[in-house]
Amino acid sequence: MKRRKFLVSLLLALLMLPLHVFAEEPTYAFTDAEVLARGQLYYSSLNQFFSNVANDNGNAAEVTLTGAIGFCDTDYWVQSEFDARVAQGTTYGPCLYIEYVVTDQNGHSKTGYSYDLLPVGGHFNEVDLSDYAAKGYSTTKTQVDAARAAKVASIVETPERYYANLEKLLTTFDSNTQTNEVIVCVKGIYTDDELASISYTDDSKIQYWLDYTTVNLNLKQVRVKKAYSVLGSITVIGNASEYNKMALIANGRNPSYTEIAPGMYRNADGWTVFRVNLSDYTAKGYVY
């Protein structure tokens, strides 16, 4: 009995020891110079990540990137291979930890921390922010805003820019539904990257006004004109009469909307409305 009590006490004592007692000394596979060289793999990903953080703090006077550590689960020395693996989702990366300072309109500052994706095992690589900035990447919100403004100024609006988002929605219809007409209404101006990240369910940014024929519960064909944000749960944000108002805008018959591109109309509040040419939509390889 005494032996058993001793063993139990010893086990409890071992469990209470700090973990570092058992930890082996870490081995580092790379020199400091190699770590910084590997950190360059993350530049383009870091630029997008920090831009998102800056945009999330849109009311701040300034956001300044003060530190960044990249993380990768294996060794990639070729930028194109690294970017390809990231795009395919076949690496635990780009996993990025960043430190930044947010300064409000009153001049008060606070330090923030954020990460993109959660890593599991691998190598950490410090990013040399001086070299990063020297290569033209943004380290402040001011620079992010200027870069975005330049992209927005270069945008040539066409309905095709919105086809991929529309496809996400139309493919949720069942086979009994025939789409007759689609009118898209977009709030704001988005770069291609921003547009790709917008969920088709976010009706504060993008709305789909649909004229379609479907089969009801009595197995009869009915024609419906509505606006949907989420077809999965049938969230309706507009009815037939409102649809007809949108159609007038898409026909260029609302004086508060100005034609900004062939068949695309925008008002002072930043809403852009246009009718989708379904023949062109399918010709470009999209389905519904």
Protein backbone atom coordinates (compact mmCIF):
# COMPACT_ATOMS: atom_id res chain seq x y z
CA MET A 1 0.00 0.00 0.00
CA LYS A 2 2.84 2.42 0.89
CA ARG A 3 4.51 1.66 -2.46
CA ARG A 4 1.26 2.48 -4.31
CA LYS A 5 0.86 5.78 -2.45
CA PHE A 6 4.46 6.66 -3.27
CA LEU A 7 3.96 5.98 -6.98
CA VAL A 8 0.76 8.05 -7.05
CA SER A 9 2.49 10.95 -5.29
CA LEU A 10 5.43 10.75 -7.70
CA LEU A 11 3.11 10.78 -10.71
CA LEU A 12 1.23 13.83 -9.41
CA ALA A 13 4.50 15.63 -8.79
CA LEU A 14 5.70 14.92 -12.32
CA LEU A 15 2.41 16.20 -13.79
CA MET A 16 2.83 19.47 -11.91
CA LEU A 17 6.32 20.14 -13.29
CA PRO A 18 6.53 22.88 -15.96
CA LEU A 19 6.59 21.56 -19.48
CA HIS A 20 9.97 23.12 -20.27
CA VAL A 21 11.59 20.64 -17.89
CA PHE A 22 10.90 17.89 -20.43
CA ALA A 23 11.37 19.98 -23.57
CA GLU A 24 14.45 19.34 -25.64
CA GLU A 25 16.57 22.21 -26.81
CA PRO A 26 15.22 23.32 -30.21
CA THR A 27 17.37 22.81 -33.26
CA TYR A 28 17.40 25.50 -35.91
CA ALA A 29 17.74 24.43 -39.52
CA PHE A 30 18.49 27.90 -40.89
CA THR A 31 20.91 30.72 -40.21
CA ASP A 32 19.57 34.23 -39.54
CA ALA A 33 20.32 35.20 -43.13
CA GLU A 34 18.46 32.16 -44.45
CA VAL A 35 15.47 32.91 -42.22
CA LEU A 36 15.21 36.43 -43.63
CA ALA A 37 15.60 35.09 -47.18
CA ARG A 38 12.78 32.62 -46.59
CA GLY A 39 10.69 35.45 -45.17
CA GLN A 40 10.57 36.99 -48.64
CA LEU A 41 8.26 34.15 -49.72
CA TYR A 42 5.49 35.80 -47.73
CA TYR A 43 5.69 39.30 -49.20
CA SER A 44 2.70 39.10 -51.56
CA SER A 45 0.57 37.23 -49.03
CA LEU A 46 1.53 39.67 -46.28
CA ASN A 47 0.63 42.60 -48.50
CA GLN A 48 -2.90 41.22 -48.98
CA PHE A 49 -3.27 40.30 -45.30
CA PHE A 50 -2.15 43.70 -44.03
CA SER A 51 -4.37 45.42 -46.61
CA ASN A 52 -7.34 43.53 -45.17
CA VAL A 53 -6.39 44.58 -41.64
CA ALA A 54 -6.04 48.21 -42.75
CA ASN A 55 -9.43 48.10 -44.45
CA ASP A 56 -11.00 46.58 -41.32
CA ASN A 57 -9.78 49.66 -39.45
CA GLY A 58 -11.26 52.05 -41.98
CA ASN A 59 -12.09 54.74 -39.37
CA ALA A 60 -8.51 54.90 -38.08
CA ALA A 61 -6.26 57.82 -38.96
CA GLU A 62 -3.42 55.39 -39.57
CA VAL A 63 -2.49 51.73 -39.27
CA THR A 64 1.22 50.88 -39.32
CA LEU A 65 2.71 47.41 -39.77
CA THR A 66 5.44 46.96 -37.14
CA GLY A 67 6.28 43.26 -37.31
CA ALA A 68 5.56 40.08 -39.23
CA ILE A 69 6.46 36.41 -38.95
CA GLY A 70 5.68 33.94 -41.72
CA PHE A 71 5.09 30.26 -41.17
CA CYS A 72 5.43 27.32 -43.52
CA ASP A 73 5.07 23.59 -42.94
CA THR A 74 7.84 22.64 -45.36
CA ASP A 75 10.67 24.10 -47.40
CA TYR A 76 9.85 26.20 -50.44
CA TRP A 77 12.68 28.16 -51.96
CA VAL A 78 11.03 28.97 -55.28
CA GLN A 79 8.43 31.76 -55.11
CA SER A 80 6.27 30.35 -57.90
CA GLU A 81 6.09 26.94 -56.20
CA PHE A 82 5.20 28.52 -52.87
CA ASP A 83 2.46 30.67 -54.45
CA ALA A 84 1.08 27.66 -56.31
CA ARG A 85 0.94 25.57 -53.13
CA VAL A 86 -0.81 28.41 -51.30
CA ALA A 87 -3.37 28.80 -54.09
CA GLN A 88 -4.03 25.06 -54.06
CA GLY A 89 -4.35 24.97 -50.29
CA THR A 90 -1.72 22.22 -50.05
CA THR A 91 0.43 23.96 -47.45
CA TYR A 92 -0.23 25.29 -43.97
CA GLY A 93 0.45 28.74 -45.31
CA PRO A 94 0.73 31.48 -45.87
CA CYS A 95 0.36 31.54 -42.09
CA LEU A 96 1.24 35.01 -40.93
CA TYR A 97 1.44 36.60 -37.52
CA ILE A 98 1.55 40.38 -37.62
CA GLU A 99 1.94 43.23 -35.15
CA TYR A 100 0.56 46.65 -36.02
CA VAL A 101 -0.27 49.98 -34.43
CA VAL A 102 -3.69 51.59 -34.90
CA THR A 103 -3.86 55.36 -34.43
CA ASP A 104 -7.34 56.87 -34.07
CA GLN A 105 -8.50 60.30 -35.21
CA ASN A 106 -7.57 61.78 -31.81
CA GLY A 107 -3.99 60.61 -32.07
CA HIS A 108 -4.33 57.76 -29.58
CA SER A 109 -2.48 54.59 -30.53
CA LYS A 110 -2.80 50.95 -29.57
CA THR A 111 -0.95 47.83 -30.66
CA GLY A 112 -2.86 45.02 -32.33
CA TYR A 113 -1.98 41.45 -33.23
CA SER A 114 -3.55 39.18 -35.80
CA TYR A 115 -2.87 35.96 -37.66
CA ASP A 116 -4.00 34.45 -40.93
CA LEU A 117 -4.64 30.69 -40.70
CA LEU A 118 -3.56 28.52 -37.78
CA PRO A 119 -0.30 26.65 -38.32
CA VAL A 120 0.50 23.12 -37.14
CA GLY A 121 4.22 22.37 -36.93
CA GLY A 122 6.89 23.79 -39.23
CA HIS A 123 9.36 26.66 -39.63
CA PHE A 124 8.89 30.29 -38.58
CA ASN A 125 10.53 32.97 -40.72
CA GLU A 126 10.95 36.61 -39.78
CA VAL A 127 9.97 39.13 -42.42
CA ASP A 128 12.44 41.98 -42.94
CA LEU A 129 10.04 44.93 -43.07
CA SER A 130 12.74 47.31 -44.36
CA ASP A 131 13.34 45.09 -47.38
CA TYR A 132 9.61 44.46 -47.69
CA ALA A 133 8.88 48.20 -47.83
CA ALA A 134 11.81 48.83 -50.18
CA LYS A 135 10.21 46.47 -52.69
CA GLY A 136 7.10 48.66 -52.76
CA TYR A 137 4.79 46.78 -50.42
CA SER A 138 2.49 48.69 -48.05
CA THR A 139 3.30 49.09 -44.37
CA THR A 140 0.72 51.78 -43.55
CA LYS A 141 -2.99 52.27 -44.08
CA THR A 142 -2.22 55.45 -46.05
CA GLN A 143 -0.25 53.38 -48.56
CA VAL A 144 -2.95 50.68 -48.66
CA ASP A 145 -5.63 53.29 -49.37
CA ALA A 146 -3.54 54.87 -52.11
CA ALA A 147 -2.86 51.50 -53.75
CA ARG A 148 -6.54 50.59 -53.64
CA ALA A 149 -7.55 53.98 -55.05
CA ALA A 150 -5.17 53.41 -57.96
CA LYS A 151 -6.70 49.98 -58.62
CA VAL A 152 -10.23 51.35 -58.43
CA ALA A 153 -9.33 54.16 -60.85
CA SER A 154 -8.08 51.58 -63.35
CA ILE A 155 -11.22 49.40 -63.20
CA VAL A 156 -13.11 49.03 -66.47
CA GLU A 157 -16.61 48.07 -65.42
CA THR A 158 -18.28 45.21 -67.28
CA PRO A 159 -21.04 42.79 -66.24
CA GLU A 160 -18.54 39.95 -66.68
CA ARG A 161 -16.70 41.07 -63.54
CA TYR A 162 -19.71 39.83 -61.55
CA TYR A 163 -20.35 36.55 -63.37
CA ALA A 164 -18.40 34.36 -60.92
CA ASN A 165 -20.41 35.67 -57.95
CA LEU A 166 -23.64 35.19 -59.86
CA GLU A 167 -22.74 31.61 -60.72
CA LYS A 168 -22.42 30.76 -57.01
CA LEU A 169 -26.04 31.79 -56.56
CA LEU A 170 -27.61 30.36 -59.70
CA THR A 171 -26.16 26.89 -59.16
CA THR A 172 -28.15 26.63 -55.91
CA PHE A 173 -31.38 26.40 -57.91
CA ASP A 174 -32.84 22.97 -58.54
CA SER A 175 -33.35 21.47 -61.99
CA ASN A 176 -37.02 22.55 -62.11
CA THR A 177 -36.05 26.22 -62.22
CA GLN A 178 -35.50 28.15 -65.44
CA THR A 179 -33.86 31.55 -65.12
CA ASN A 180 -35.46 34.12 -67.44
CA GLU A 181 -33.68 37.29 -66.37
CA VAL A 182 -31.16 38.51 -63.80
CA ILE A 183 -30.61 42.07 -62.66
CA VAL A 184 -27.57 42.63 -60.48
CA CYS A 185 -27.34 45.49 -58.00
CA VAL A 186 -23.94 46.21 -56.42
CA LYS A 187 -23.25 48.67 -53.58
CA GLY A 188 -19.78 50.15 -53.91
CA ILE A 189 -16.80 49.67 -56.20
CA TYR A 190 -14.62 46.63 -55.65
CA THR A 191 -11.29 45.50 -57.02
CA ASP A 192 -11.18 42.04 -58.57
CA ASP A 193 -9.67 40.56 -55.39
CA GLU A 194 -12.32 42.17 -53.19
CA LEU A 195 -15.10 41.09 -55.51
CA ALA A 196 -13.93 37.48 -55.43
CA SER A 197 -14.06 37.49 -51.63
CA ILE A 198 -17.63 38.84 -51.36
CA SER A 199 -20.14 36.18 -50.43
CA TYR A 200 -23.13 35.96 -52.75
CA THR A 201 -25.24 36.02 -49.58
CA ASP A 202 -24.06 39.50 -48.56
CA ASP A 203 -27.00 41.59 -49.75
CA SER A 204 -25.50 44.77 -48.26
CA LYS A 205 -22.91 44.60 -51.05
CA ILE A 206 -24.51 42.63 -53.87
CA GLN A 207 -28.10 41.72 -54.71
CA TYR A 208 -29.61 39.47 -57.36
CA TRP A 209 -33.04 40.33 -58.72
CA LEU A 210 -34.40 37.25 -60.46
CA ASP A 211 -37.16 36.53 -62.94
CA TYR A 212 -37.53 32.75 -63.13
CA THR A 213 -39.98 29.97 -63.83
CA THR A 214 -40.31 27.10 -61.40
CA VAL A 215 -42.67 24.29 -60.37
CA ASN A 216 -44.79 24.81 -57.26
CA LEU A 217 -46.08 22.22 -54.79
CA ASN A 218 -49.07 21.55 -57.07
CA LEU A 219 -46.64 20.68 -59.88
CA LYS A 220 -47.70 23.74 -61.86
CA GLN A 221 -45.29 26.13 -63.49
CA VAL A 222 -45.24 29.59 -61.94
CA ARG A 223 -43.26 32.68 -62.85
CA VAL A 224 -41.57 34.50 -59.98
CA LYS A 225 -39.93 37.90 -59.73
CA LYS A 226 -38.04 38.43 -56.51
CA ALA A 227 -34.69 39.41 -55.06
CA TYR A 228 -32.79 36.81 -53.10
CA SER A 229 -29.81 37.04 -50.83
CA VAL A 230 -29.75 33.46 -49.54
CA LEU A 231 -31.52 30.82 -51.58
CA GLY A 232 -30.62 28.06 -49.16
CA SER A 233 -32.92 29.47 -46.51
CA ILE A 234 -35.10 31.45 -48.95
CA THR A 235 -34.31 34.90 -47.62
CA VAL A 236 -36.32 37.29 -49.78
CA ILE A 237 -35.28 40.95 -49.89
CA GLY A 238 -37.56 42.19 -52.65
CA ASN A 239 -40.92 41.51 -54.31
CA ALA A 240 -42.33 41.74 -57.84
CA SER A 241 -43.20 45.44 -57.71
CA GLU A 242 -39.70 46.31 -56.50
CA TYR A 243 -38.29 44.07 -59.22
CA ASN A 244 -40.12 46.14 -61.83
CA LYS A 245 -38.50 49.30 -60.40
CA MET A 246 -35.09 47.68 -60.75
CA ALA A 247 -35.93 46.78 -64.34
CA LEU A 248 -36.61 50.46 -65.09
CA ILE A 249 -33.16 51.34 -63.75
CA ALA A 250 -31.57 48.56 -65.82
CA ASN A 251 -33.36 49.99 -68.87
CA GLY A 252 -31.81 53.41 -68.22
CA ARG A 253 -35.12 55.02 -67.35
CA ASN A 254 -34.30 56.34 -63.89
CA PRO A 255 -32.84 59.88 -64.06
CA SER A 256 -30.94 59.48 -60.77
CA TYR A 257 -28.77 56.77 -62.36
CA THR A 258 -26.00 57.57 -64.84
CA GLU A 259 -24.71 55.11 -67.43
CA ILE A 260 -21.10 54.33 -66.48
CA ALA A 261 -20.59 51.52 -69.03
CA PRO A 262 -22.82 49.97 -71.71
CA GLY A 263 -25.96 48.82 -69.89
CA MET A 264 -24.56 49.60 -66.41
CA TYR A 265 -26.03 52.43 -64.32
CA ARG A 266 -24.79 53.99 -61.06
CA ASN A 267 -26.34 56.53 -58.71
CA ALA A 268 -24.85 59.00 -56.24
CA ASP A 269 -25.23 56.53 -53.37
CA GLY A 270 -22.84 54.09 -55.08
CA TRP A 271 -25.36 51.51 -56.30
CA THR A 272 -24.63 50.00 -59.71
CA VAL A 273 -27.48 48.23 -61.54
CA PHE A 274 -27.35 46.20 -64.74
CA ARG A 275 -29.13 43.39 -66.56
CA VAL A 276 -27.13 40.22 -67.21
CA ASN A 277 -26.96 39.01 -70.80
CA LEU A 278 -27.47 35.30 -70.12
CA SER A 279 -26.21 34.34 -73.59
CA ASP A 280 -22.94 36.14 -72.91
CA TYR A 281 -22.85 34.65 -69.41
CA THR A 282 -23.01 31.08 -70.72
CA ALA A 283 -20.69 31.85 -73.64
CA LYS A 284 -18.03 32.82 -71.09
CA GLY A 285 -18.29 29.33 -69.56
CA TYR A 286 -20.50 30.07 -66.57
CA VAL A 287 -23.46 27.82 -65.71
CA TYR A 288 -26.90 28.21 -64.15
